[in-house]
């Protein structure tokens, strides 16, 4: 994904998207031609990975 960054460690199946000081943590899957994005968390960067 162009603007997303893959996470590591226990969050290895997730990606993050940065919006200023906030982060959107999500996973994705694909069913045929359809790509599904499942948003897990949205929060400030200080607290999102706790």
C-alpha atoms as a PDB file:
ATOM      1  CA  UNK A   1       0.000   0.000   0.000  1.00  0.00           C
ATOM      2  CA  UNK A   2       1.344   3.372  -0.978  1.00  0.00           C
ATOM      3  CA  UNK A   3       0.703   5.415   2.197  1.00  0.00           C
ATOM      4  CA  UNK A   4       0.482   2.647   4.794  1.00  0.00           C
ATOM      5  CA  UNK A   5       3.334   1.149   6.778  1.00  0.00           C
ATOM      6  CA  UNK A   6       3.425  -2.492   7.908  1.00  0.00           C
ATOM      7  CA  UNK A   7       3.710  -3.002  11.664  1.00  0.00           C
ATOM      8  CA  UNK A   8       6.046  -5.516  13.312  1.00  0.00           C
ATOM      9  CA  UNK A   9       6.111  -7.794  16.337  1.00  0.00           C
ATOM     10  CA  UNK A  10       2.768  -8.840  17.764  1.00  0.00           C
ATOM     11  CA  UNK A  11       1.063  -6.452  15.303  1.00  0.00           C
ATOM     12  CA  UNK A  12       2.679  -8.036  12.215  1.00  0.00           C
ATOM     13  CA  UNK A  13      -0.677  -8.635  10.475  1.00  0.00           C
ATOM     14  CA  UNK A  14      -1.594  -4.940  10.693  1.00  0.00           C
ATOM     15  CA  UNK A  15      -0.726  -1.706   8.918  1.00  0.00           C
ATOM     16  CA  UNK A  16      -0.806   1.898  10.069  1.00  0.00           C
ATOM     17  CA  UNK A  17      -1.812   5.050   8.283  1.00  0.00           C
ATOM     18  CA  UNK A  18      -0.602   8.380   9.686  1.00  0.00           C
ATOM     19  CA  UNK A  19      -2.896  11.401   9.888  1.00  0.00           C
ATOM     20  CA  UNK A  20      -0.985  14.169  11.699  1.00  0.00           C
ATOM     21  CA  UNK A  21      -0.519  13.045  15.314  1.00  0.00           C
ATOM     22  CA  UNK A  22      -3.149  10.314  14.925  1.00  0.00           C
ATOM     23  CA  UNK A  23      -2.800   6.758  13.647  1.00  0.00           C
ATOM     24  CA  UNK A  24      -5.286   4.450  11.960  1.00  0.00           C
ATOM     25  CA  UNK A  25      -4.395   0.790  12.557  1.00  0.00           C
ATOM     26  CA  UNK A  26      -5.993  -1.684  10.151  1.00  0.00           C
ATOM     27  CA  UNK A  27      -5.733  -5.090   8.539  1.00  0.00           C
ATOM     28  CA  UNK A  28      -6.691  -6.019   5.021  1.00  0.00           C
ATOM     29  CA  UNK A  29      -7.860  -9.081   3.150  1.00  0.00           C
ATOM     30  CA  UNK A  30      -8.894  -9.885  -0.360  1.00  0.00           C
ATOM     31  CA  UNK A  31     -11.938 -11.764  -1.621  1.00  0.00           C
ATOM     32  CA  UNK A  32     -11.674 -12.157  -5.374  1.00  0.00           C
ATOM     33  CA  UNK A  33     -11.280  -8.685  -6.872  1.00  0.00           C
ATOM     34  CA  UNK A  34     -12.596  -7.014  -3.719  1.00  0.00           C
ATOM     35  CA  UNK A  35     -10.061  -5.759  -1.167  1.00  0.00           C
ATOM     36  CA  UNK A  36     -11.443  -5.411   2.386  1.00  0.00           C
ATOM     37  CA  UNK A  37      -9.958  -3.029   4.960  1.00  0.00           C
ATOM     38  CA  UNK A  38     -10.827  -3.698   8.626  1.00  0.00           C
ATOM     39  CA  UNK A  39     -10.087  -0.688  10.858  1.00  0.00           C
ATOM     40  CA  UNK A  40      -9.008  -1.892  14.317  1.00  0.00           C
ATOM     41  CA  UNK A  41      -8.082   1.305  16.152  1.00  0.00           C
ATOM     42  CA  UNK A  42      -7.900   5.058  15.682  1.00  0.00           C
ATOM     43  CA  UNK A  43      -6.053   7.137  18.252  1.00  0.00           C
ATOM     44  CA  UNK A  44      -3.290   9.525  19.207  1.00  0.00           C
ATOM     45  CA  UNK A  45       0.204   8.250  18.524  1.00  0.00           C
ATOM     46  CA  UNK A  46       1.101   8.252  22.251  1.00  0.00           C
ATOM     47  CA  UNK A  47      -1.647   5.759  23.115  1.00  0.00           C
ATOM     48  CA  UNK A  48      -2.452   3.747  19.991  1.00  0.00           C
ATOM     49  CA  UNK A  49       0.016   0.873  20.514  1.00  0.00           C
ATOM     50  CA  UNK A  50      -0.711   0.239  24.209  1.00  0.00           C
END
